[in-house]
Amino acid sequence: MSTDNPSTAIDDGEFDAAELRALRERVDELEESIADVGTEDDDQKMTIISTKGSFDMAYPPLILASTAAAFDWEVVVFHTFWGLDILHEEKSKNLKLSAVGNPNMPVPNALAAVPGMDAMATRMMQKRIDENGTATIEELIDLSLDLGVDLQACQMTIELMDYEDDAFYEGVTTGVGAATALQHMAESDVQLLI
């Protein structure tokens, strides 16, 4: 076989049948390996640590978790300290938007500290959510659970807040410790603290 110009060798018919068969097998192997590219990435894992239980901070972990799960990612959201209130059936219905210290609130902190401002800010945000057709916190929790998101309640925080295991939405995983959350984080492609 001539090595001067490979295209000439093909044109001149200088490949023998065994070389051509080996070349075709190699091309088939490469095509199969290219077809598999991308399927390995489908096994993405994400862990979100949810630490804040205000009305506005309930949305980011639930939206990110349900979106990732819709793309078939394995998702765990570990709720600890005030973030645990998001999963508490009763408390999640009364989460408030804090006006004080929120740089995006259109009022100065002195005015934001006036009694009733948090309730007013929360009502305004709820109105915008309703007008926009955005899902409620409860709807996002249901959607996340339906999509297979593992919504976890920190056991230490359950005990600290003196909550009962049955106070959480059905489907929430209780009794989870920080070591379990850390293990999932170590195995995850994406880790977020919210």
Protein backbone atom coordinates (compact mmCIF):
# COMPACT_ATOMS: atom_id res chain seq x y z
CA MET A 1 0.00 0.00 0.00
CA SER A 2 1.26 3.45 -0.87
CA THR A 3 1.68 5.90 1.99
CA ASP A 4 2.48 8.94 -0.15
CA ASN A 5 -1.09 10.07 -0.71
CA PRO A 6 -3.92 8.23 1.04
CA SER A 7 -6.59 9.52 -1.34
CA THR A 8 -4.61 8.19 -4.30
CA ALA A 9 -4.29 4.82 -2.59
CA ILE A 10 -8.06 4.62 -2.23
CA ASP A 11 -8.64 5.75 -5.81
CA ASP A 12 -6.12 3.25 -7.16
CA GLY A 13 -7.71 0.40 -5.23
CA GLU A 14 -4.51 -0.36 -3.32
CA PHE A 15 -6.37 -1.31 -0.09
CA ASP A 16 -6.89 -5.00 0.33
CA ALA A 17 -10.21 -6.33 1.58
CA ALA A 18 -8.94 -6.92 5.14
CA GLU A 19 -7.66 -3.35 5.51
CA LEU A 20 -10.91 -1.94 4.16
CA ARG A 21 -12.96 -4.13 6.52
CA ALA A 22 -10.81 -3.01 9.49
CA LEU A 23 -11.21 0.60 8.46
CA ARG A 24 -15.00 0.24 8.22
CA GLU A 25 -15.12 -1.44 11.65
CA ARG A 26 -13.10 1.43 13.12
CA VAL A 27 -15.45 3.99 11.54
CA ASP A 28 -18.44 2.09 13.02
CA GLU A 29 -16.79 2.13 16.47
CA LEU A 30 -16.15 5.87 16.23
CA GLU A 31 -19.74 6.55 15.14
CA GLU A 32 -21.03 4.54 18.11
CA SER A 33 -18.76 6.39 20.53
CA ILE A 34 -19.91 9.73 19.09
CA ALA A 35 -23.54 8.66 19.48
CA ASP A 36 -22.86 7.98 23.17
CA VAL A 37 -21.42 11.45 23.74
CA GLY A 38 -23.93 13.47 25.69
CA THR A 39 -25.76 10.51 27.19
CA GLU A 40 -23.23 10.40 30.03
CA ASP A 41 -24.09 14.03 30.85
CA ASP A 42 -27.74 13.08 31.31
CA ASP A 43 -26.84 11.67 34.72
CA GLN A 44 -26.36 15.11 36.26
CA LYS A 45 -26.76 15.55 40.01
CA MET A 46 -27.58 18.75 41.86
CA THR A 47 -27.72 19.52 45.57
CA ILE A 48 -29.29 22.71 46.87
CA ILE A 49 -28.99 23.78 50.50
CA SER A 50 -31.97 25.97 51.42
CA THR A 51 -31.34 28.06 54.56
CA LYS A 52 -33.74 30.97 54.27
CA GLY A 53 -37.46 30.76 54.93
CA SER A 54 -38.73 34.10 53.69
CA PHE A 55 -41.39 34.28 50.99
CA ASP A 56 -39.00 35.45 48.29
CA MET A 57 -36.32 32.88 49.21
CA ALA A 58 -38.73 29.93 48.93
CA TYR A 59 -38.91 30.32 45.17
CA PRO A 60 -35.28 29.97 43.97
CA PRO A 61 -34.57 26.47 45.36
CA LEU A 62 -37.95 25.13 44.22
CA ILE A 63 -37.75 26.63 40.73
CA LEU A 64 -34.16 25.45 40.19
CA ALA A 65 -34.92 21.99 41.59
CA SER A 66 -38.05 21.41 39.52
CA THR A 67 -36.37 22.71 36.36
CA ALA A 68 -33.33 20.46 36.80
CA ALA A 69 -35.58 17.48 37.55
CA ALA A 70 -37.55 18.21 34.36
CA PHE A 71 -34.24 17.66 32.54
CA ASP A 72 -33.89 14.29 34.33
CA TRP A 73 -31.28 15.46 36.80
CA GLU A 74 -31.10 13.81 40.20
CA VAL A 75 -31.93 16.64 42.61
CA VAL A 76 -31.79 16.93 46.38
CA VAL A 77 -32.85 20.07 48.27
CA PHE A 78 -31.69 19.97 51.88
CA HIS A 79 -33.75 22.42 53.97
CA THR A 80 -32.13 23.57 57.19
CA PHE A 81 -32.74 26.28 59.78
CA TRP A 82 -35.32 28.81 58.46
CA GLY A 83 -35.37 27.07 55.08
CA LEU A 84 -37.20 24.24 56.81
CA ASP A 85 -40.32 26.44 57.06
CA ILE A 86 -40.71 26.12 53.26
CA LEU A 87 -41.54 22.42 53.73
CA HIS A 88 -43.70 22.91 56.84
CA GLU A 89 -47.31 22.67 55.65
CA GLU A 90 -48.67 25.32 58.00
CA LYS A 91 -45.71 27.72 58.12
CA SER A 92 -45.16 27.71 54.33
CA LYS A 93 -48.57 29.31 53.87
CA ASN A 94 -47.52 32.30 56.01
CA LEU A 95 -44.01 33.09 54.75
CA LYS A 96 -43.25 36.81 54.62
CA LEU A 97 -41.12 38.98 52.37
CA SER A 98 -38.71 41.00 54.48
CA ALA A 99 -38.51 44.64 53.43
CA VAL A 100 -35.67 45.55 55.80
CA GLY A 101 -32.17 45.08 54.43
CA ASN A 102 -33.47 44.08 51.00
CA PRO A 103 -31.49 46.21 48.52
CA ASN A 104 -34.10 45.70 45.81
CA MET A 105 -36.99 47.09 47.82
CA PRO A 106 -38.00 50.51 46.50
CA VAL A 107 -38.12 51.99 50.02
CA PRO A 108 -35.33 53.04 52.42
CA ASN A 109 -34.64 50.80 55.42
CA ALA A 110 -36.03 53.38 57.85
CA LEU A 111 -39.40 53.16 56.11
CA ALA A 112 -39.11 49.39 55.59
CA ALA A 113 -38.82 48.97 59.36
CA VAL A 114 -42.25 50.52 59.97
CA PRO A 115 -44.64 47.92 61.41
CA GLY A 116 -46.75 46.32 58.70
CA MET A 117 -44.26 46.90 55.85
CA ASP A 118 -43.34 43.20 55.62
CA ALA A 119 -47.02 42.26 55.35
CA MET A 120 -47.58 44.92 52.70
CA ALA A 121 -44.47 43.86 50.72
CA THR A 122 -45.61 40.24 50.91
CA ARG A 123 -49.11 41.11 49.66
CA MET A 124 -47.64 43.14 46.79
CA MET A 125 -45.39 40.24 45.77
CA GLN A 126 -48.25 37.73 46.05
CA LYS A 127 -50.36 39.99 43.83
CA ARG A 128 -47.60 40.11 41.20
CA ILE A 129 -47.26 36.32 41.36
CA ASP A 130 -51.01 35.87 40.91
CA GLU A 131 -51.20 38.38 38.04
CA ASN A 132 -48.24 36.73 36.31
CA GLY A 133 -49.66 33.23 36.72
CA THR A 134 -46.54 32.11 38.58
CA ALA A 135 -46.90 28.91 40.57
CA THR A 136 -47.44 29.13 44.31
CA ILE A 137 -44.95 27.70 46.77
CA GLU A 138 -47.27 24.75 47.41
CA GLU A 139 -47.61 24.11 43.67
CA LEU A 140 -43.83 24.19 43.26
CA ILE A 141 -43.42 21.75 46.14
CA ASP A 142 -45.97 19.38 44.55
CA LEU A 143 -44.33 19.74 41.14
CA SER A 144 -40.87 19.10 42.58
CA LEU A 145 -42.05 15.97 44.37
CA ASP A 146 -43.89 14.76 41.26
CA LEU A 147 -40.69 15.18 39.23
CA GLY A 148 -38.71 13.12 41.76
CA VAL A 149 -36.91 15.89 43.63
CA ASP A 150 -35.85 14.68 47.08
CA LEU A 151 -36.98 17.49 49.39
CA GLN A 152 -35.15 16.81 52.63
CA ALA A 153 -35.80 18.22 56.11
CA CYS A 154 -32.76 18.55 58.37
CA GLN A 155 -33.25 16.36 61.43
CA MET A 156 -31.26 18.63 63.75
CA THR A 157 -33.40 21.61 62.71
CA ILE A 158 -36.62 19.61 63.15
CA GLU A 159 -35.56 18.94 66.74
CA LEU A 160 -34.30 22.50 67.29
CA MET A 161 -37.58 24.02 66.10
CA ASP A 162 -39.58 21.36 67.95
CA TYR A 163 -41.44 20.32 64.77
CA GLU A 164 -43.16 16.98 64.31
CA ASP A 165 -42.29 14.81 61.30
CA ASP A 166 -45.92 14.82 60.16
CA ALA A 167 -45.98 18.66 60.00
CA PHE A 168 -44.31 18.56 56.57
CA TYR A 169 -45.81 18.08 53.13
CA GLU A 170 -46.41 14.47 52.19
CA GLY A 171 -43.41 13.15 50.30
CA VAL A 172 -40.81 15.24 52.16
CA THR A 173 -37.90 13.16 53.46
CA THR A 174 -37.41 13.73 57.19
CA GLY A 175 -34.65 12.53 59.49
CA VAL A 176 -31.81 13.58 57.19
CA GLY A 177 -28.56 14.75 58.75
CA ALA A 178 -25.82 17.06 57.54
CA ALA A 179 -23.52 14.11 56.77
CA THR A 180 -26.04 12.76 54.25
CA ALA A 181 -26.37 16.20 52.64
CA LEU A 182 -22.58 16.53 52.43
CA GLN A 183 -22.26 13.11 50.81
CA HIS A 184 -24.78 14.04 48.11
CA MET A 185 -23.01 17.36 47.60
CA ALA A 186 -19.69 15.58 47.12
CA GLU A 187 -21.26 13.42 44.39
CA SER A 188 -23.10 16.31 42.71
CA ASP A 189 -22.15 18.18 39.57
CA VAL A 190 -23.86 21.34 40.85
CA GLN A 191 -24.02 22.51 44.46
CA LEU A 192 -25.93 25.63 45.48
CA LEU A 193 -26.41 27.38 48.81
CA ILE A 194 -29.58 29.50 48.89
